[in-house]
Amino acid sequence: MSAQGDGGAAGVRRLGMVIGLRPEHREEYLRLHAEVWPEVLATITACNLRNYSIFRHGDLLFSYAEYVGDDYAADMAAMAADPATQRWWGLTAPCQEQTEGAVPGEWWTPLREVFHHD
């Protein structure tokens, strides 16, 4: 997850990101996400991410999440240190490829929010 975001109402930071999906790994990626491990889901929740979704358009993945915590860097470091999440990323990373404009140090490319309406 990227630390970039335009913030939001009452402590909610909306995050949008994109990454490529390798066509030769498409079915594996979809299979993995049809049954995400409970430990990974628990870590996502413990790290203050809500409404986390991944959408697919052809071989482009778009993720959306809302961060509701107060220390994004610490929460993302905790997620990255989680052994189950590390194993999960070990399976999903080969299915993905960075897009043009990827930020150094970030796997997914952060998107700038240009409009929001509640």
N, C-alpha and C. Protein backbone atom coordinates (compact mmCIF):
# COMPACT_ATOMS: atom_id res chain seq x y z
N MET A 1 0.83 -1.18 0.00
CA MET A 1 0.00 0.00 0.00
C MET A 1 0.88 1.24 0.00
N SER A 2 0.46 2.22 -0.70
CA SER A 2 1.22 3.45 -0.77
C SER A 2 0.79 4.42 0.32
N ALA A 3 1.73 5.19 0.80
CA ALA A 3 1.43 6.19 1.81
C ALA A 3 0.78 7.42 1.21
N GLN A 4 0.70 7.50 -0.10
CA GLN A 4 0.11 8.67 -0.72
C GLN A 4 -1.40 8.59 -0.66
N GLY A 5 -2.01 9.73 -0.59
CA GLY A 5 -3.46 9.82 -0.55
C GLY A 5 -3.81 11.24 -0.19
N ASP A 6 -4.99 11.67 -0.57
CA ASP A 6 -5.40 13.03 -0.33
C ASP A 6 -6.16 13.20 0.97
N GLY A 7 -6.15 12.16 1.80
CA GLY A 7 -6.86 12.27 3.07
C GLY A 7 -8.32 12.00 2.87
N GLY A 8 -9.12 12.56 3.68
CA GLY A 8 -10.55 12.34 3.58
C GLY A 8 -11.23 12.82 4.83
N ALA A 9 -12.49 12.52 4.94
CA ALA A 9 -13.29 12.97 6.06
C ALA A 9 -12.94 12.21 7.33
N ALA A 10 -12.87 12.93 8.44
CA ALA A 10 -12.77 12.37 9.78
C ALA A 10 -11.75 11.24 9.91
N GLY A 11 -10.53 11.49 9.47
CA GLY A 11 -9.49 10.50 9.68
C GLY A 11 -9.46 9.35 8.71
N VAL A 12 -10.22 9.39 7.65
CA VAL A 12 -10.21 8.32 6.65
C VAL A 12 -9.35 8.78 5.47
N ARG A 13 -8.37 7.96 5.11
CA ARG A 13 -7.52 8.23 3.95
C ARG A 13 -7.90 7.22 2.88
N ARG A 14 -8.36 7.68 1.74
CA ARG A 14 -8.71 6.81 0.62
C ARG A 14 -7.48 6.55 -0.22
N LEU A 15 -7.25 5.29 -0.57
CA LEU A 15 -6.07 4.89 -1.32
C LEU A 15 -6.49 4.18 -2.60
N GLY A 16 -6.02 4.64 -3.73
CA GLY A 16 -6.24 3.97 -5.00
C GLY A 16 -4.90 3.66 -5.63
N MET A 17 -4.75 2.45 -6.17
CA MET A 17 -3.48 2.04 -6.76
C MET A 17 -3.73 1.10 -7.94
N VAL A 18 -2.76 1.02 -8.83
CA VAL A 18 -2.84 0.10 -9.95
C VAL A 18 -1.54 -0.71 -10.06
N ILE A 19 -1.69 -1.88 -10.68
CA ILE A 19 -0.55 -2.74 -11.00
C ILE A 19 -0.97 -3.63 -12.16
N GLY A 20 -0.02 -4.08 -12.94
CA GLY A 20 -0.33 -4.99 -14.04
C GLY A 20 -0.50 -6.42 -13.54
N LEU A 21 -1.30 -7.17 -14.25
CA LEU A 21 -1.50 -8.60 -13.98
C LEU A 21 -0.86 -9.36 -15.14
N ARG A 22 0.08 -10.22 -14.83
CA ARG A 22 0.75 -11.00 -15.88
C ARG A 22 -0.26 -12.01 -16.45
N PRO A 23 -0.51 -11.94 -17.76
CA PRO A 23 -1.52 -12.82 -18.36
C PRO A 23 -1.28 -14.30 -18.08
N GLU A 24 -0.03 -14.72 -18.04
CA GLU A 24 0.28 -16.13 -17.82
C GLU A 24 0.00 -16.57 -16.38
N HIS A 25 -0.24 -15.60 -15.48
CA HIS A 25 -0.54 -15.91 -14.07
C HIS A 25 -1.95 -15.47 -13.67
N ARG A 26 -2.73 -15.03 -14.64
CA ARG A 26 -4.07 -14.48 -14.35
C ARG A 26 -4.92 -15.46 -13.55
N GLU A 27 -5.03 -16.69 -14.01
CA GLU A 27 -5.90 -17.66 -13.34
C GLU A 27 -5.43 -17.97 -11.93
N GLU A 28 -4.12 -18.04 -11.71
CA GLU A 28 -3.58 -18.27 -10.37
C GLU A 28 -3.93 -17.11 -9.44
N TYR A 29 -3.78 -15.89 -9.92
CA TYR A 29 -4.08 -14.72 -9.11
C TYR A 29 -5.56 -14.70 -8.73
N LEU A 30 -6.41 -14.98 -9.69
CA LEU A 30 -7.85 -14.99 -9.42
C LEU A 30 -8.21 -16.12 -8.45
N ARG A 31 -7.58 -17.26 -8.61
CA ARG A 31 -7.83 -18.38 -7.70
C ARG A 31 -7.42 -18.03 -6.28
N LEU A 32 -6.24 -17.44 -6.13
CA LEU A 32 -5.77 -17.03 -4.80
C LEU A 32 -6.75 -16.06 -4.15
N HIS A 33 -7.24 -15.10 -4.91
CA HIS A 33 -8.12 -14.09 -4.34
C HIS A 33 -9.56 -14.56 -4.16
N ALA A 34 -9.88 -15.71 -4.71
CA ALA A 34 -11.20 -16.29 -4.45
C ALA A 34 -11.27 -16.88 -3.04
N GLU A 35 -10.09 -17.15 -2.45
CA GLU A 35 -10.01 -17.74 -1.11
C GLU A 35 -8.82 -17.15 -0.36
N VAL A 36 -8.90 -15.86 -0.07
CA VAL A 36 -7.81 -15.20 0.65
C VAL A 36 -7.71 -15.81 2.05
N TRP A 37 -6.48 -16.04 2.48
CA TRP A 37 -6.24 -16.67 3.77
C TRP A 37 -6.80 -15.82 4.91
N PRO A 38 -7.45 -16.44 5.87
CA PRO A 38 -7.99 -15.69 7.01
C PRO A 38 -6.94 -14.88 7.76
N GLU A 39 -5.71 -15.40 7.87
CA GLU A 39 -4.65 -14.67 8.56
C GLU A 39 -4.30 -13.37 7.84
N VAL A 40 -4.34 -13.40 6.52
CA VAL A 40 -4.04 -12.20 5.73
C VAL A 40 -5.16 -11.18 5.92
N LEU A 41 -6.39 -11.64 5.90
CA LEU A 41 -7.52 -10.74 6.12
C LEU A 41 -7.48 -10.12 7.51
N ALA A 42 -7.10 -10.92 8.50
CA ALA A 42 -7.00 -10.41 9.88
C ALA A 42 -5.92 -9.33 9.97
N THR A 43 -4.81 -9.52 9.27
CA THR A 43 -3.75 -8.52 9.29
C THR A 43 -4.19 -7.24 8.61
N ILE A 44 -4.88 -7.35 7.50
CA ILE A 44 -5.41 -6.16 6.83
C ILE A 44 -6.27 -5.36 7.79
N THR A 45 -7.16 -6.04 8.50
CA THR A 45 -8.04 -5.36 9.45
C THR A 45 -7.24 -4.78 10.62
N ALA A 46 -6.31 -5.56 11.17
CA ALA A 46 -5.50 -5.09 12.30
C ALA A 46 -4.66 -3.87 11.93
N CYS A 47 -4.32 -3.74 10.66
CA CYS A 47 -3.51 -2.62 10.19
C CYS A 47 -4.37 -1.45 9.72
N ASN A 48 -5.63 -1.46 10.12
CA ASN A 48 -6.54 -0.31 9.93
C ASN A 48 -6.94 -0.02 8.49
N LEU A 49 -6.98 -1.06 7.65
CA LEU A 49 -7.50 -0.90 6.30
C LEU A 49 -8.93 -1.41 6.27
N ARG A 50 -9.81 -0.66 5.66
CA ARG A 50 -11.21 -1.02 5.53
C ARG A 50 -11.63 -0.86 4.07
N ASN A 51 -12.74 -1.49 3.73
CA ASN A 51 -13.29 -1.39 2.36
C ASN A 51 -12.22 -1.67 1.30
N TYR A 52 -11.39 -2.67 1.55
CA TYR A 52 -10.30 -3.00 0.64
C TYR A 52 -10.86 -3.87 -0.48
N SER A 53 -10.67 -3.41 -1.70
CA SER A 53 -11.16 -4.12 -2.88
C SER A 53 -10.09 -4.11 -3.95
N ILE A 54 -10.09 -5.15 -4.78
CA ILE A 54 -9.25 -5.18 -5.98
C ILE A 54 -10.17 -5.46 -7.15
N PHE A 55 -10.08 -4.63 -8.18
CA PHE A 55 -10.87 -4.77 -9.40
C PHE A 55 -9.91 -5.11 -10.54
N ARG A 56 -10.44 -5.78 -11.56
CA ARG A 56 -9.63 -6.13 -12.72
C ARG A 56 -10.27 -5.58 -13.99
N HIS A 57 -9.46 -4.96 -14.82
CA HIS A 57 -9.87 -4.51 -16.15
C HIS A 57 -8.81 -5.06 -17.10
N GLY A 58 -9.17 -6.12 -17.83
CA GLY A 58 -8.17 -6.78 -18.66
C GLY A 58 -7.05 -7.28 -17.77
N ASP A 59 -5.84 -6.82 -18.04
CA ASP A 59 -4.70 -7.21 -17.23
C ASP A 59 -4.18 -6.04 -16.38
N LEU A 60 -5.09 -5.17 -15.99
CA LEU A 60 -4.78 -4.09 -15.07
C LEU A 60 -5.60 -4.30 -13.80
N LEU A 61 -4.92 -4.26 -12.66
CA LEU A 61 -5.59 -4.38 -11.37
C LEU A 61 -5.67 -3.00 -10.73
N PHE A 62 -6.82 -2.69 -10.17
CA PHE A 62 -7.04 -1.45 -9.44
C PHE A 62 -7.44 -1.82 -8.02
N SER A 63 -6.74 -1.29 -7.04
CA SER A 63 -7.12 -1.55 -5.66
C SER A 63 -7.59 -0.26 -5.01
N TYR A 64 -8.54 -0.43 -4.11
CA TYR A 64 -9.08 0.69 -3.34
C TYR A 64 -9.15 0.25 -1.89
N ALA A 65 -8.73 1.12 -0.99
CA ALA A 65 -8.83 0.85 0.44
C ALA A 65 -9.00 2.17 1.17
N GLU A 66 -9.54 2.06 2.37
CA GLU A 66 -9.65 3.22 3.24
C GLU A 66 -8.82 2.94 4.49
N TYR A 67 -7.92 3.86 4.80
CA TYR A 67 -7.08 3.73 5.99
C TYR A 67 -7.71 4.55 7.10
N VAL A 68 -7.97 3.90 8.25
CA VAL A 68 -8.66 4.57 9.36
C VAL A 68 -7.80 4.72 10.61
N GLY A 69 -6.53 4.38 10.52
CA GLY A 69 -5.64 4.49 11.68
C GLY A 69 -5.03 5.87 11.80
N ASP A 70 -4.05 5.99 12.69
CA ASP A 70 -3.39 7.28 12.87
C ASP A 70 -1.88 7.22 12.68
N ASP A 71 -1.35 6.04 12.29
CA ASP A 71 0.08 5.92 11.99
C ASP A 71 0.25 4.95 10.81
N TYR A 72 0.04 5.48 9.63
CA TYR A 72 0.04 4.67 8.41
C TYR A 72 1.36 3.92 8.24
N ALA A 73 2.48 4.62 8.43
CA ALA A 73 3.79 3.99 8.22
C ALA A 73 3.97 2.80 9.17
N ALA A 74 3.61 2.96 10.43
CA ALA A 74 3.75 1.86 11.39
C ALA A 74 2.83 0.71 11.04
N ASP A 75 1.60 1.00 10.64
CA ASP A 75 0.67 -0.07 10.27
C ASP A 75 1.16 -0.83 9.04
N MET A 76 1.68 -0.13 8.05
CA MET A 76 2.16 -0.81 6.85
C MET A 76 3.44 -1.60 7.15
N ALA A 77 4.26 -1.11 8.08
CA ALA A 77 5.45 -1.87 8.49
C ALA A 77 5.03 -3.14 9.21
N ALA A 78 4.00 -3.05 10.04
CA ALA A 78 3.49 -4.24 10.74
C ALA A 78 2.94 -5.25 9.75
N MET A 79 2.24 -4.77 8.73
CA MET A 79 1.71 -5.67 7.71
C MET A 79 2.86 -6.36 6.98
N ALA A 80 3.86 -5.60 6.59
CA ALA A 80 4.99 -6.16 5.85
C ALA A 80 5.79 -7.16 6.70
N ALA A 81 5.76 -7.02 8.01
CA ALA A 81 6.50 -7.93 8.89
C ALA A 81 5.72 -9.20 9.22
N ASP A 82 4.44 -9.23 8.92
CA ASP A 82 3.60 -10.38 9.26
C ASP A 82 4.00 -11.59 8.41
N PRO A 83 4.34 -12.73 9.05
CA PRO A 83 4.79 -13.91 8.29
C PRO A 83 3.77 -14.44 7.28
N ALA A 84 2.50 -14.48 7.63
CA ALA A 84 1.49 -14.97 6.68
C ALA A 84 1.37 -14.03 5.49
N THR A 85 1.42 -12.73 5.74
CA THR A 85 1.35 -11.75 4.64
C THR A 85 2.58 -11.88 3.75
N GLN A 86 3.74 -12.11 4.33
CA GLN A 86 4.95 -12.31 3.52
C GLN A 86 4.80 -13.52 2.62
N ARG A 87 4.26 -14.61 3.16
CA ARG A 87 4.05 -15.82 2.33
C ARG A 87 3.03 -15.52 1.22
N TRP A 88 1.96 -14.80 1.57
CA TRP A 88 0.93 -14.44 0.59
C TRP A 88 1.54 -13.61 -0.54
N TRP A 89 2.30 -12.59 -0.17
CA TRP A 89 2.95 -11.75 -1.18
C TRP A 89 3.92 -12.55 -2.03
N GLY A 90 4.54 -13.58 -1.45
CA GLY A 90 5.42 -14.44 -2.21
C GLY A 90 4.68 -15.19 -3.32
N LEU A 91 3.40 -15.46 -3.12
CA LEU A 91 2.58 -16.11 -4.14
C LEU A 91 1.99 -15.12 -5.14
N THR A 92 1.60 -13.93 -4.65
CA THR A 92 0.92 -12.98 -5.53
C THR A 92 1.89 -12.11 -6.35
N ALA A 93 3.06 -11.80 -5.80
CA ALA A 93 3.99 -10.91 -6.51
C ALA A 93 4.38 -11.42 -7.90
N PRO A 94 4.64 -12.72 -8.09
CA PRO A 94 4.99 -13.18 -9.44
C PRO A 94 3.85 -13.02 -10.45
N CYS A 95 2.64 -12.84 -9.96
CA CYS A 95 1.48 -12.67 -10.84
C CYS A 95 1.35 -11.23 -11.32
N GLN A 96 2.09 -10.33 -10.71
CA GLN A 96 1.94 -8.90 -10.97
C GLN A 96 3.17 -8.33 -11.66
N GLU A 97 2.98 -7.18 -12.31
CA GLU A 97 4.11 -6.44 -12.86
C GLU A 97 3.82 -4.95 -12.69
N GLN A 98 4.85 -4.22 -12.32
CA GLN A 98 4.67 -2.80 -12.07
C GLN A 98 4.26 -2.07 -13.34
N THR A 99 3.52 -1.00 -13.14
CA THR A 99 3.10 -0.17 -14.26
C THR A 99 4.08 0.98 -14.46
N GLU A 100 3.99 1.60 -15.61
CA GLU A 100 4.79 2.78 -15.86
C GLU A 100 4.44 3.84 -14.83
N GLY A 101 5.42 4.49 -14.30
CA GLY A 101 5.17 5.52 -13.30
C GLY A 101 5.19 5.01 -11.87
N ALA A 102 5.60 3.75 -11.68
CA ALA A 102 5.68 3.21 -10.33
C ALA A 102 6.63 4.05 -9.49
N VAL A 103 6.27 4.23 -8.24
CA VAL A 103 7.08 5.03 -7.32
C VAL A 103 8.19 4.13 -6.76
N PRO A 104 9.43 4.60 -6.75
CA PRO A 104 10.51 3.80 -6.16
C PRO A 104 10.15 3.37 -4.73
N GLY A 105 10.32 2.10 -4.44
CA GLY A 105 10.01 1.57 -3.13
C GLY A 105 8.58 1.10 -2.96
N GLU A 106 7.74 1.35 -3.95
CA GLU A 106 6.33 0.92 -3.90
C GLU A 106 6.11 -0.12 -4.99
N TRP A 107 5.36 -1.16 -4.68
CA TRP A 107 5.06 -2.20 -5.66
C TRP A 107 3.89 -1.75 -6.54
N TRP A 108 2.79 -1.34 -5.91
CA TRP A 108 1.63 -0.82 -6.64
C TRP A 108 1.86 0.67 -6.92
N THR A 109 1.34 1.16 -8.05
CA THR A 109 1.47 2.57 -8.40
C THR A 109 0.33 3.35 -7.76
N PRO A 110 0.65 4.32 -6.90
CA PRO A 110 -0.41 5.11 -6.27
C PRO A 110 -1.08 6.04 -7.27
N LEU A 111 -2.37 6.25 -7.07
CA LEU A 111 -3.13 7.16 -7.91
C LEU A 111 -3.53 8.39 -7.10
N ARG A 112 -3.59 9.51 -7.75
CA ARG A 112 -4.01 10.75 -7.10
C ARG A 112 -5.52 10.86 -7.22
N GLU A 113 -6.17 11.07 -6.11
CA GLU A 113 -7.62 11.26 -6.12
C GLU A 113 -7.95 12.62 -6.75
N VAL A 114 -8.84 12.62 -7.71
CA VAL A 114 -9.23 13.87 -8.35
C VAL A 114 -10.68 14.25 -8.05
N PHE A 115 -11.46 13.32 -7.50
CA PHE A 115 -12.85 13.63 -7.15
C PHE A 115 -13.36 12.63 -6.14
N HIS A 116 -14.14 13.12 -5.20
CA HIS A 116 -14.82 12.25 -4.23
C HIS A 116 -16.11 12.91 -3.80
N HIS A 117 -17.15 12.11 -3.62
CA HIS A 117 -18.42 12.60 -3.11
C HIS A 117 -19.00 11.57 -2.18
N ASP A 118 -19.33 11.95 -0.95
CA ASP A 118 -20.01 11.05 0.00
C ASP A 118 -21.51 11.16 -0.19
